[in-house]
Amino acid sequence: IMCFTPAFAEDIEISHNDGIYHIVLKGEKIKKKIKFVSSDD
């Protein structure tokens, strides 16, 4: 099971094809883990 488990967390899926990364944030819980920030510099 450990050997065949994807490297990415279940709520973040990342695929890469022809120079495009497609990231999917799935489920309810991950909505609480998103934060936009602005840097002073």
PDB file of all heavy atoms in Angstrom:
ATOM      1  N   ILE A   1       0.828  -1.199   0.000  1.00  0.00           N
ATOM      2  CA  ILE A   1       0.000   0.000   0.000  1.00  0.00           C
ATOM      3  C   ILE A   1       0.864   1.252   0.000  1.00  0.00           C
ATOM      4  O   ILE A   1       0.636   2.203  -0.744  1.00  0.00           O
ATOM      5  CB  ILE A   1      -0.952   0.005   1.220  1.00  0.00           C
ATOM      6  CG1 ILE A   1      -2.018  -1.080   1.049  1.00  0.00           C
ATOM      7  CG2 ILE A   1      -1.618   1.382   1.387  1.00  0.00           C
ATOM      8  CD1 ILE A   1      -2.885  -1.267   2.275  1.00  0.00           C
ATOM      9  N   MET A   2       1.893   1.255   0.842  1.00  0.00           N
ATOM     10  CA  MET A   2       2.781   2.407   0.927  1.00  0.00           C
ATOM     11  C   MET A   2       3.520   2.637  -0.375  1.00  0.00           C
ATOM     12  O   MET A   2       3.745   3.771  -0.796  1.00  0.00           O
ATOM     13  CB  MET A   2       3.782   2.221   2.069  1.00  0.00           C
ATOM     14  CG  MET A   2       3.155   2.250   3.453  1.00  0.00           C
ATOM     15  SD  MET A   2       2.325   3.818   3.798  1.00  0.00           S
ATOM     16  CE  MET A   2       3.731   4.923   3.855  1.00  0.00           C
ATOM     17  N   CYS A   3       3.894   1.561  -1.051  1.00  0.00           N
ATOM     18  CA  CYS A   3       4.656   1.672  -2.297  1.00  0.00           C
ATOM     19  C   CYS A   3       3.823   2.285  -3.415  1.00  0.00           C
ATOM     20  O   CYS A   3       4.338   2.988  -4.274  1.00  0.00           O
ATOM     21  CB  CYS A   3       5.171   0.306  -2.736  1.00  0.00           C
ATOM     22  SG  CYS A   3       6.508  -0.320  -1.701  1.00  0.00           S
ATOM     23  N   PHE A   4       2.511   2.016  -3.419  1.00  0.00           N
ATOM     24  CA  PHE A   4       1.677   2.460  -4.519  1.00  0.00           C
ATOM     25  C   PHE A   4       0.813   3.671  -4.181  1.00  0.00           C
ATOM     26  O   PHE A   4      -0.006   4.089  -4.965  1.00  0.00           O
ATOM     27  CB  PHE A   4       0.773   1.306  -5.004  1.00  0.00           C
ATOM     28  CG  PHE A   4       1.547   0.230  -5.712  1.00  0.00           C
ATOM     29  CD1 PHE A   4       1.936  -0.922  -5.045  1.00  0.00           C
ATOM     30  CD2 PHE A   4       1.928   0.392  -7.034  1.00  0.00           C
ATOM     31  CE1 PHE A   4       2.668  -1.914  -5.699  1.00  0.00           C
ATOM     32  CE2 PHE A   4       2.652  -0.595  -7.690  1.00  0.00           C
ATOM     33  CZ  PHE A   4       3.027  -1.751  -7.019  1.00  0.00           C
ATOM     34  N   THR A   5       1.010   4.248  -3.008  1.00  0.00           N
ATOM     35  CA  THR A   5       0.301   5.468  -2.644  1.00  0.00           C
ATOM     36  C   THR A   5       0.929   6.652  -3.384  1.00  0.00           C
ATOM     37  O   THR A   5       2.145   6.766  -3.433  1.00  0.00           O
ATOM     38  CB  THR A   5       0.392   5.717  -1.127  1.00  0.00           C
ATOM     39  OG1 THR A   5      -0.232   4.618  -0.458  1.00  0.00           O
ATOM     40  CG2 THR A   5      -0.329   7.015  -0.750  1.00  0.00           C
ATOM     41  N   PRO A   6       0.099   7.532  -4.024  1.00  0.00           N
ATOM     42  CA  PRO A   6       0.650   8.683  -4.741  1.00  0.00           C
ATOM     43  C   PRO A   6       1.491   9.552  -3.806  1.00  0.00           C
ATOM     44  O   PRO A   6       1.255   9.628  -2.606  1.00  0.00           O
ATOM     45  CB  PRO A   6      -0.617   9.440  -5.204  1.00  0.00           C
ATOM     46  CG  PRO A   6      -1.697   8.406  -5.221  1.00  0.00           C
ATOM     47  CD  PRO A   6      -1.361   7.458  -4.107  1.00  0.00           C
ATOM     48  N   ALA A   7       2.473  10.229  -4.398  1.00  0.00           N
ATOM     49  CA  ALA A   7       3.392  11.051  -3.608  1.00  0.00           C
ATOM     50  C   ALA A   7       2.698  12.281  -3.047  1.00  0.00           C
ATOM     51  O   ALA A   7       3.147  12.860  -2.070  1.00  0.00           O
ATOM     52  CB  ALA A   7       4.579  11.477  -4.468  1.00  0.00           C
ATOM     53  N   PHE A   8       1.572  12.691  -3.656  1.00  0.00           N
ATOM     54  CA  PHE A   8       0.910  13.911  -3.241  1.00  0.00           C
ATOM     55  C   PHE A   8      -0.190  13.616  -2.235  1.00  0.00           C
ATOM     56  O   PHE A   8      -0.788  12.555  -2.225  1.00  0.00           O
ATOM     57  CB  PHE A   8       0.320  14.634  -4.463  1.00  0.00           C
ATOM     58  CG  PHE A   8       1.358  14.915  -5.521  1.00  0.00           C
ATOM     59  CD1 PHE A   8       1.247  14.338  -6.770  1.00  0.00           C
ATOM     60  CD2 PHE A   8       2.442  15.728  -5.247  1.00  0.00           C
ATOM     61  CE1 PHE A   8       2.211  14.589  -7.734  1.00  0.00           C
ATOM     62  CE2 PHE A   8       3.404  15.988  -6.206  1.00  0.00           C
ATOM     63  CZ  PHE A   8       3.278  15.408  -7.458  1.00  0.00           C
ATOM     64  N   ALA A   9      -0.468  14.578  -1.373  1.00  0.00           N
ATOM     65  CA  ALA A   9      -1.522  14.423  -0.385  1.00  0.00           C
ATOM     66  C   ALA A   9      -2.860  14.243  -1.089  1.00  0.00           C
ATOM     67  O   ALA A   9      -3.064  14.709  -2.214  1.00  0.00           O
ATOM     68  CB  ALA A   9      -1.554  15.650   0.519  1.00  0.00           C
ATOM     69  N   GLU A  10      -3.789  13.573  -0.421  1.00  0.00           N
ATOM     70  CA  GLU A  10      -5.070  13.272  -1.031  1.00  0.00           C
ATOM     71  C   GLU A  10      -5.837  14.520  -1.422  1.00  0.00           C
ATOM     72  O   GLU A  10      -6.605  14.507  -2.380  1.00  0.00           O
ATOM     73  CB  GLU A  10      -5.906  12.427  -0.069  1.00  0.00           C
ATOM     74  CG  GLU A  10      -5.364  11.022   0.126  1.00  0.00           C
ATOM     75  CD  GLU A  10      -6.228  10.207   1.059  1.00  0.00           C
ATOM     76  OE1 GLU A  10      -7.248  10.742   1.536  1.00  0.00           O
ATOM     77  OE2 GLU A  10      -5.884   9.048   1.297  1.00  0.00           O
ATOM     78  N   ASP A  11      -5.688  15.615  -0.679  1.00  0.00           N
ATOM     79  CA  ASP A  11      -6.449  16.823  -0.991  1.00  0.00           C
ATOM     80  C   ASP A  11      -5.738  17.738  -1.980  1.00  0.00           C
ATOM     81  O   ASP A  11      -6.277  18.761  -2.381  1.00  0.00           O
ATOM     82  CB  ASP A  11      -6.799  17.586   0.285  1.00  0.00           C
ATOM     83  CG  ASP A  11      -5.573  17.899   1.141  1.00  0.00           C
ATOM     84  OD1 ASP A  11      -4.464  17.496   0.754  1.00  0.00           O
ATOM     85  OD2 ASP A  11      -5.731  18.552   2.184  1.00  0.00           O
ATOM     86  N   ILE A  12      -4.523  17.397  -2.382  1.00  0.00           N
ATOM     87  CA  ILE A  12      -3.806  18.121  -3.431  1.00  0.00           C
ATOM     88  C   ILE A  12      -3.339  17.120  -4.488  1.00  0.00           C
ATOM     89  O   ILE A  12      -2.517  16.254  -4.204  1.00  0.00           O
ATOM     90  CB  ILE A  12      -2.579  18.892  -2.889  1.00  0.00           C
ATOM     91  CG1 ILE A  12      -2.979  19.908  -1.831  1.00  0.00           C
ATOM     92  CG2 ILE A  12      -1.858  19.593  -4.033  1.00  0.00           C
ATOM     93  CD1 ILE A  12      -1.830  20.708  -1.262  1.00  0.00           C
ATOM     94  N   GLU A  13      -3.883  17.236  -5.681  1.00  0.00           N
ATOM     95  CA  GLU A  13      -3.465  16.379  -6.795  1.00  0.00           C
ATOM     96  C   GLU A  13      -2.731  17.238  -7.818  1.00  0.00           C
ATOM     97  O   GLU A  13      -3.214  18.310  -8.181  1.00  0.00           O
ATOM     98  CB  GLU A  13      -4.672  15.712  -7.450  1.00  0.00           C
ATOM     99  CG  GLU A  13      -5.406  14.728  -6.549  1.00  0.00           C
ATOM    100  CD  GLU A  13      -6.577  14.062  -7.244  1.00  0.00           C
ATOM    101  OE1 GLU A  13      -6.845  14.410  -8.424  1.00  0.00           O
ATOM    102  OE2 GLU A  13      -7.235  13.211  -6.627  1.00  0.00           O
ATOM    103  N   ILE A  14      -1.586  16.770  -8.264  1.00  0.00           N
ATOM    104  CA  ILE A  14      -0.789  17.519  -9.234  1.00  0.00           C
ATOM    105  C   ILE A  14      -0.429  16.611 -10.406  1.00  0.00           C
ATOM    106  O   ILE A  14       0.117  15.525 -10.215  1.00  0.00           O
ATOM    107  CB  ILE A  14       0.505  18.074  -8.618  1.00  0.00           C
ATOM    108  CG1 ILE A  14       0.190  18.958  -7.403  1.00  0.00           C
ATOM    109  CG2 ILE A  14       1.297  18.874  -9.651  1.00  0.00           C
ATOM    110  CD1 ILE A  14       1.407  19.511  -6.697  1.00  0.00           C
ATOM    111  N   SER A  15      -0.754  17.053 -11.604  1.00  0.00           N
ATOM    112  CA  SER A  15      -0.347  16.341 -12.805  1.00  0.00           C
ATOM    113  C   SER A  15       0.426  17.316 -13.698  1.00  0.00           C
ATOM    114  O   SER A  15       0.270  18.533 -13.596  1.00  0.00           O
ATOM    115  CB  SER A  15      -1.561  15.774 -13.555  1.00  0.00           C
ATOM    116  OG  SER A  15      -2.457  16.808 -13.921  1.00  0.00           O
ATOM    117  N   HIS A  16       1.245  16.746 -14.571  1.00  0.00           N
ATOM    118  CA  HIS A  16       2.063  17.580 -15.459  1.00  0.00           C
ATOM    119  C   HIS A  16       2.028  16.985 -16.850  1.00  0.00           C
ATOM    120  O   HIS A  16       2.297  15.803 -17.043  1.00  0.00           O
ATOM    121  CB  HIS A  16       3.510  17.658 -14.957  1.00  0.00           C
ATOM    122  CG  HIS A  16       4.410  18.457 -15.849  1.00  0.00           C
ATOM    123  ND1 HIS A  16       5.390  17.886 -16.629  1.00  0.00           N
ATOM    124  CD2 HIS A  16       4.468  19.792 -16.089  1.00  0.00           C
ATOM    125  CE1 HIS A  16       6.025  18.820 -17.306  1.00  0.00           C
ATOM    126  NE2 HIS A  16       5.479  19.987 -16.996  1.00  0.00           N
ATOM    127  N   ASN A  17       1.660  17.805 -17.813  1.00  0.00           N
ATOM    128  CA  ASN A  17       1.582  17.323 -19.188  1.00  0.00           C
ATOM    129  C   ASN A  17       1.867  18.471 -20.149  1.00  0.00           C
ATOM    130  O   ASN A  17       1.242  19.532 -20.075  1.00  0.00           O
ATOM    131  CB  ASN A  17       0.184  16.741 -19.466  1.00  0.00           C
ATOM    132  CG  ASN A  17       0.069  16.194 -20.879  1.00  0.00           C
ATOM    133  OD1 ASN A  17       0.942  15.469 -21.353  1.00  0.00           O
ATOM    134  ND2 ASN A  17      -1.016  16.526 -21.547  1.00  0.00           N
ATOM    135  N   ASP A  18       2.834  18.256 -21.020  1.00  0.00           N
ATOM    136  CA  ASP A  18       3.137  19.200 -22.092  1.00  0.00           C
ATOM    137  C   ASP A  18       3.362  20.622 -21.572  1.00  0.00           C
ATOM    138  O   ASP A  18       2.844  21.596 -22.112  1.00  0.00           O
ATOM    139  CB  ASP A  18       1.997  19.176 -23.121  1.00  0.00           C
ATOM    140  CG  ASP A  18       2.381  19.872 -24.432  1.00  0.00           C
ATOM    141  OD1 ASP A  18       3.596  19.984 -24.711  1.00  0.00           O
ATOM    142  OD2 ASP A  18       1.469  20.307 -25.158  1.00  0.00           O
ATOM    143  N   GLY A  19       4.141  20.737 -20.484  1.00  0.00           N
ATOM    144  CA  GLY A  19       4.509  22.046 -19.980  1.00  0.00           C
ATOM    145  C   GLY A  19       3.453  22.737 -19.145  1.00  0.00           C
ATOM    146  O   GLY A  19       3.586  23.927 -18.843  1.00  0.00           O
ATOM    147  N   ILE A  20       2.405  22.017 -18.749  1.00  0.00           N
ATOM    148  CA  ILE A  20       1.339  22.604 -17.932  1.00  0.00           C
ATOM    149  C   ILE A  20       1.150  21.770 -16.675  1.00  0.00           C
ATOM    150  O   ILE A  20       0.924  20.557 -16.746  1.00  0.00           O
ATOM    151  CB  ILE A  20       0.006  22.671 -18.703  1.00  0.00           C
ATOM    152  CG1 ILE A  20       0.164  23.538 -19.958  1.00  0.00           C
ATOM    153  CG2 ILE A  20      -1.104  23.221 -17.808  1.00  0.00           C
ATOM    154  CD1 ILE A  20      -1.060  23.546 -20.858  1.00  0.00           C
ATOM    155  N   TYR A  21       1.254  22.423 -15.520  1.00  0.00           N
ATOM    156  CA  TYR A  21       0.950  21.760 -14.253  1.00  0.00           C
ATOM    157  C   TYR A  21      -0.515  22.020 -13.928  1.00  0.00           C
ATOM    158  O   TYR A  21      -0.982  23.163 -13.955  1.00  0.00           O
ATOM    159  CB  TYR A  21       1.822  22.313 -13.119  1.00  0.00           C
ATOM    160  CG  TYR A  21       3.252  21.832 -13.165  1.00  0.00           C
ATOM    161  CD1 TYR A  21       4.214  22.539 -13.880  1.00  0.00           C
ATOM    162  CD2 TYR A  21       3.641  20.667 -12.503  1.00  0.00           C
ATOM    163  CE1 TYR A  21       5.535  22.102 -13.935  1.00  0.00           C
ATOM    164  CE2 TYR A  21       4.957  20.226 -12.542  1.00  0.00           C
ATOM    165  CZ  TYR A  21       5.886  20.943 -13.266  1.00  0.00           C
ATOM    166  OH  TYR A  21       7.191  20.502 -13.317  1.00  0.00           O
ATOM    167  N   HIS A  22      -1.223  20.941 -13.626  1.00  0.00           N
ATOM    168  CA  HIS A  22      -2.644  21.039 -13.277  1.00  0.00           C
ATOM    169  C   HIS A  22      -2.785  20.589 -11.829  1.00  0.00           C
ATOM    170  O   HIS A  22      -2.570  19.427 -11.501  1.00  0.00           O
ATOM    171  CB  HIS A  22      -3.476  20.150 -14.211  1.00  0.00           C
ATOM    172  CG  HIS A  22      -4.954  20.259 -13.970  1.00  0.00           C
ATOM    173  ND1 HIS A  22      -5.861  19.473 -14.643  1.00  0.00           N
ATOM    174  CD2 HIS A  22      -5.686  21.050 -13.142  1.00  0.00           C
ATOM    175  CE1 HIS A  22      -7.084  19.775 -14.232  1.00  0.00           C
ATOM    176  NE2 HIS A  22      -6.998  20.726 -13.314  1.00  0.00           N
ATOM    177  N   ILE A  23      -3.119  21.524 -10.965  1.00  0.00           N
ATOM    178  CA  ILE A  23      -3.241  21.264  -9.526  1.00  0.00           C
ATOM    179  C   ILE A  23      -4.715  21.299  -9.155  1.00  0.00           C
ATOM    180  O   ILE A  23      -5.441  22.223  -9.539  1.00  0.00           O
ATOM    181  CB  ILE A  23      -2.489  22.339  -8.713  1.00  0.00           C
ATOM    182  CG1 ILE A  23      -1.023  22.434  -9.184  1.00  0.00           C
ATOM    183  CG2 ILE A  23      -2.568  22.052  -7.218  1.00  0.00           C
ATOM    184  CD1 ILE A  23      -0.328  23.700  -8.741  1.00  0.00           C
ATOM    185  N   VAL A  24      -5.162  20.292  -8.413  1.00  0.00           N
ATOM    186  CA  VAL A  24      -6.549  20.249  -7.955  1.00  0.00           C
ATOM    187  C   VAL A  24      -6.562  20.197  -6.433  1.00  0.00           C
ATOM    188  O   VAL A  24      -5.962  19.308  -5.828  1.00  0.00           O
ATOM    189  CB  VAL A  24      -7.304  19.028  -8.524  1.00  0.00           C
ATOM    190  CG1 VAL A  24      -8.775  19.090  -8.107  1.00  0.00           C
ATOM    191  CG2 VAL A  24      -7.190  18.962 -10.038  1.00  0.00           C
ATOM    192  N   LEU A  25      -7.220  21.181  -5.824  1.00  0.00           N
ATOM    193  CA  LEU A  25      -7.433  21.191  -4.381  1.00  0.00           C
ATOM    194  C   LEU A  25      -8.829  20.642  -4.131  1.00  0.00           C
ATOM    195  O   LEU A  25      -9.822  21.243  -4.562  1.00  0.00           O
ATOM    196  CB  LEU A  25      -7.309  22.613  -3.819  1.00  0.00           C
ATOM    197  CG  LEU A  25      -6.056  23.404  -4.209  1.00  0.00           C
ATOM    198  CD1 LEU A  25      -6.064  24.756  -3.521  1.00  0.00           C
ATOM    199  CD2 LEU A  25      -4.792  22.633  -3.869  1.00  0.00           C
ATOM    200  N   LYS A  26      -8.913  19.501  -3.439  1.00  0.00           N
ATOM    201  CA  LYS A  26     -10.188  18.792  -3.335  1.00  0.00           C
ATOM    202  C   LYS A  26     -10.689  18.743  -1.892  1.00  0.00           C
ATOM    203  O   LYS A  26      -9.900  18.624  -0.956  1.00  0.00           O
ATOM    204  CB  LYS A  26     -10.033  17.361  -3.867  1.00  0.00           C
ATOM    205  CG  LYS A  26      -9.536  17.289  -5.304  1.00  0.00           C
ATOM    206  CD  LYS A  26      -9.381  15.866  -5.789  1.00  0.00           C
ATOM    207  CE  LYS A  26     -10.716  15.201  -5.987  1.00  0.00           C
ATOM    208  NZ  LYS A  26     -10.576  13.866  -6.616  1.00  0.00           N
ATOM    209  N   GLY A  27     -12.005  18.806  -1.764  1.00  0.00           N
ATOM    210  CA  GLY A  27     -12.623  18.589  -0.468  1.00  0.00           C
ATOM    211  C   GLY A  27     -12.870  19.859   0.323  1.00  0.00           C
ATOM    212  O   GLY A  27     -12.457  20.959  -0.032  1.00  0.00           O
ATOM    213  N   GLU A  28     -13.557  19.671   1.436  1.00  0.00           N
ATOM    214  CA  GLU A  28     -13.970  20.784   2.280  1.00  0.00           C
ATOM    215  C   GLU A  28     -12.842  21.289   3.169  1.00  0.00           C
ATOM    216  O   GLU A  28     -12.674  22.491   3.368  1.00  0.00           O
ATOM    217  CB  GLU A  28     -15.158  20.341   3.147  1.00  0.00           C
ATOM    218  CG  GLU A  28     -15.791  21.431   3.977  1.00  0.00           C
ATOM    219  CD  GLU A  28     -16.539  22.457   3.151  1.00  0.00           C
ATOM    220  OE1 GLU A  28     -16.970  22.135   2.025  1.00  0.00           O
ATOM    221  OE2 GLU A  28     -16.670  23.597   3.631  1.00  0.00           O
ATOM    222  N   LYS A  29     -12.054  20.373   3.728  1.00  0.00           N
ATOM    223  CA  LYS A  29     -11.066  20.746   4.741  1.00  0.00           C
ATOM    224  C   LYS A  29      -9.990  21.684   4.206  1.00  0.00           C
ATOM    225  O   LYS A  29      -9.511  22.566   4.917  1.00  0.00           O
ATOM    226  CB  LYS A  29     -10.423  19.487   5.328  1.00  0.00           C
ATOM    227  CG  LYS A  29     -11.383  18.645   6.167  1.00  0.00           C
ATOM    228  CD  LYS A  29     -10.675  17.438   6.748  1.00  0.00           C
ATOM    229  CE  LYS A  29     -11.634  16.595   7.594  1.00  0.00           C
ATOM    230  NZ  LYS A  29     -10.951  15.398   8.159  1.00  0.00           N
ATOM    231  N   ILE A  30      -9.606  21.491   2.942  1.00  0.00           N
ATOM    232  CA  ILE A  30      -8.481  22.279   2.422  1.00  0.00           C
ATOM    233  C   ILE A  30      -8.842  23.754   2.252  1.00  0.00           C
ATOM    234  O   ILE A  30      -7.959  24.625   2.217  1.00  0.00           O
ATOM    235  CB  ILE A  30      -7.962  21.680   1.090  1.00  0.00           C
ATOM    236  CG1 ILE A  30      -6.521  22.177   0.834  1.00  0.00           C
ATOM    237  CG2 ILE A  30      -8.872  22.037  -0.077  1.00  0.00           C
ATOM    238  CD1 ILE A  30      -5.796  21.402  -0.225  1.00  0.00           C
ATOM    239  N   LYS A  31     -10.134  24.057   2.180  1.00  0.00           N
ATOM    240  CA  LYS A  31     -10.551  25.456   2.054  1.00  0.00           C
ATOM    241  C   LYS A  31     -10.070  26.281   3.245  1.00  0.00           C
ATOM    242  O   LYS A  31      -9.794  27.471   3.111  1.00  0.00           O
ATOM    243  CB  LYS A  31     -12.075  25.536   1.946  1.00  0.00           C
ATOM    244  CG  LYS A  31     -12.653  24.875   0.703  1.00  0.00           C
ATOM    245  CD  LYS A  31     -14.171  24.877   0.743  1.00  0.00           C
ATOM    246  CE  LYS A  31     -14.760  24.112  -0.431  1.00  0.00           C
ATOM    247  NZ  LYS A  31     -16.229  24.048  -0.360  1.00  0.00           N
ATOM    248  N   LYS A  32      -9.983  25.640   4.402  1.00  0.00           N
ATOM    249  CA  LYS A  32      -9.543  26.332   5.609  1.00  0.00           C
ATOM    250  C   LYS A  32      -8.026  26.479   5.668  1.00  0.00           C
ATOM    251  O   LYS A  32      -7.505  27.157   6.548  1.00  0.00           O
ATOM    252  CB  LYS A  32     -10.027  25.582   6.843  1.00  0.00           C
ATOM    253  CG  LYS A  32     -11.527  25.404   6.919  1.00  0.00           C
ATOM    254  CD  LYS A  32     -11.921  24.575   8.124  1.00  0.00           C
ATOM    255  CE  LYS A  32     -13.418  24.305   8.162  1.00  0.00           C
ATOM    256  NZ  LYS A  32     -13.799  23.478   9.332  1.00  0.00           N
ATOM    257  N   LYS A  33      -7.323  25.839   4.735  1.00  0.00           N
ATOM    258  CA  LYS A  33      -5.861  25.839   4.748  1.00  0.00           C
ATOM    259  C   LYS A  33      -5.260  26.765   3.695  1.00  0.00           C
ATOM    260  O   LYS A  33      -4.057  26.755   3.453  1.00  0.00           O
ATOM    261  CB  LYS A  33      -5.343  24.415   4.549  1.00  0.00           C
ATOM    262  CG  LYS A  33      -5.831  23.441   5.627  1.00  0.00           C
ATOM    263  CD  LYS A  33      -5.396  22.024   5.329  1.00  0.00           C
ATOM    264  CE  LYS A  33      -5.938  21.047   6.376  1.00  0.00           C
ATOM    265  NZ  LYS A  33      -5.569  19.643   6.069  1.00  0.00           N
ATOM    266  N   ILE A  34      -6.114  27.571   3.054  1.00  0.00           N
ATOM    267  CA  ILE A  34      -5.674  28.501   2.013  1.00  0.00           C
ATOM    268  C   ILE A  34      -5.541  29.899   2.604  1.00  0.00           C
ATOM    269  O   ILE A  34      -6.408  30.359   3.345  1.00  0.00           O
ATOM    270  CB  ILE A  34      -6.680  28.521   0.840  1.00  0.00           C
ATOM    271  CG1 ILE A  34      -6.713  27.160   0.141  1.00  0.00           C
ATOM    272  CG2 ILE A  34      -6.323  29.624  -0.157  1.00  0.00           C
ATOM    273  CD1 ILE A  34      -7.821  27.026  -0.882  1.00  0.00           C
ATOM    274  N   LYS A  35      -4.459  30.549   2.272  1.00  0.00           N
ATOM    275  CA  LYS A  35      -4.262  31.929   2.741  1.00  0.00           C
ATOM    276  C   LYS A  35      -3.535  32.735   1.660  1.00  0.00           C
ATOM    277  O   LYS A  35      -2.509  32.317   1.143  1.00  0.00           O
ATOM    278  CB  LYS A  35      -3.451  31.964   4.029  1.00  0.00           C
ATOM    279  CG  LYS A  35      -3.191  33.380   4.551  1.00  0.00           C
ATOM    280  CD  LYS A  35      -2.327  33.391   5.808  1.00  0.00           C
ATOM    281  CE  LYS A  35      -3.119  32.941   7.008  1.00  0.00           C
ATOM    282  NZ  LYS A  35      -2.372  33.192   8.274  1.00  0.00           N
ATOM    283  N   PHE A  36      -4.095  33.901   1.327  1.00  0.00           N
ATOM    284  CA  PHE A  36      -3.408  34.843   0.448  1.00  0.00           C
ATOM    285  C   PHE A  36      -2.675  35.856   1.314  1.00  0.00           C
ATOM    286  O   PHE A  36      -3.227  36.356   2.302  1.00  0.00           O
ATOM    287  CB  PHE A  36      -4.407  35.558  -0.462  1.00  0.00           C
ATOM    288  CG  PHE A  36      -4.998  34.675  -1.523  1.00  0.00           C
ATOM    289  CD1 PHE A  36      -6.240  34.090  -1.337  1.00  0.00           C
ATOM    290  CD2 PHE A  36      -4.303  34.412  -2.690  1.00  0.00           C
ATOM    291  CE1 PHE A  36      -6.793  33.264  -2.299  1.00  0.00           C
ATOM    292  CE2 PHE A  36      -4.838  33.579  -3.663  1.00  0.00           C
ATOM    293  CZ  PHE A  36      -6.091  33.007  -3.470  1.00  0.00           C
ATOM    294  N   VAL A  37      -1.437  36.148   0.958  1.00  0.00           N
ATOM    295  CA  VAL A  37      -0.625  37.080   1.739  1.00  0.00           C
ATOM    296  C   VAL A  37       0.054  38.075   0.810  1.00  0.00           C
ATOM    297  O   VAL A  37       0.257  37.815  -0.373  1.00  0.00           O
ATOM    298  CB  VAL A  37       0.445  36.341   2.572  1.00  0.00           C
ATOM    299  CG1 VAL A  37      -0.207  35.422   3.591  1.00  0.00           C
ATOM    300  CG2 VAL A  37       1.402  35.568   1.671  1.00  0.00           C
ATOM    301  N   SER A  38       0.411  39.213   1.378  1.00  0.00           N
ATOM    302  CA  SER A  38       1.137  40.246   0.657  1.00  0.00           C
ATOM    303  C   SER A  38       2.425  40.540   1.409  1.00  0.00           C
ATOM    304  O   SER A  38       2.411  40.731   2.628  1.00  0.00           O
ATOM    305  CB  SER A  38       0.289  41.515   0.535  1.00  0.00           C
ATOM    306  OG  SER A  38       0.996  42.533  -0.126  1.00  0.00           O
ATOM    307  N   SER A  39       3.529  40.595   0.690  1.00  0.00           N
ATOM    308  CA  SER A  39       4.824  40.850   1.304  1.00  0.00           C
ATOM    309  C   SER A  39       5.122  42.351   1.324  1.00  0.00           C
ATOM    310  O   SER A  39       4.737  43.083   0.406  1.00  0.00           O
ATOM    311  CB  SER A  39       5.920  40.112   0.522  1.00  0.00           C
ATOM    312  OG  SER A  39       7.203  40.442   1.005  1.00  0.00           O
ATOM    313  N   ASP A  40       5.790  42.796   2.363  1.00  0.00           N
ATOM    314  CA  ASP A  40       6.192  44.205   2.420  1.00  0.00           C
ATOM    315  C   ASP A  40       7.162  44.524   1.291  1.00  0.00           C
ATOM    316  O   ASP A  40       7.070  45.586   0.654  1.00  0.00           O
ATOM    317  CB  ASP A  40       6.856  44.515   3.766  1.00  0.00           C
ATOM    318  CG  ASP A  40       5.869  44.442   4.926  1.00  0.00           C
ATOM    319  OD1 ASP A  40       4.666  44.650   4.696  1.00  0.00           O
ATOM    320  OD2 ASP A  40       6.308  44.165   6.058  1.00  0.00           O
ATOM    321  N   ASP A  41       8.094  43.621   1.070  1.00  0.00           N
ATOM    322  CA  ASP A  41       9.056  43.778  -0.021  1.00  0.00           C
ATOM    323  C   ASP A  41       8.785  42.716  -1.078  1.00  0.00           C
ATOM    324  O   ASP A  41       8.131  41.709  -0.821  1.00  0.00           O
ATOM    325  CB  ASP A  41      10.483  43.610   0.508  1.00  0.00           C
ATOM    326  CG  ASP A  41      10.818  44.617   1.593  1.00  0.00           C
ATOM    327  OD1 ASP A  41      10.527  45.807   1.397  1.00  0.00           O
ATOM    328  OD2 ASP A  41      11.358  44.198   2.646  1.00  0.00           O
TER     329      ASP A  41
END
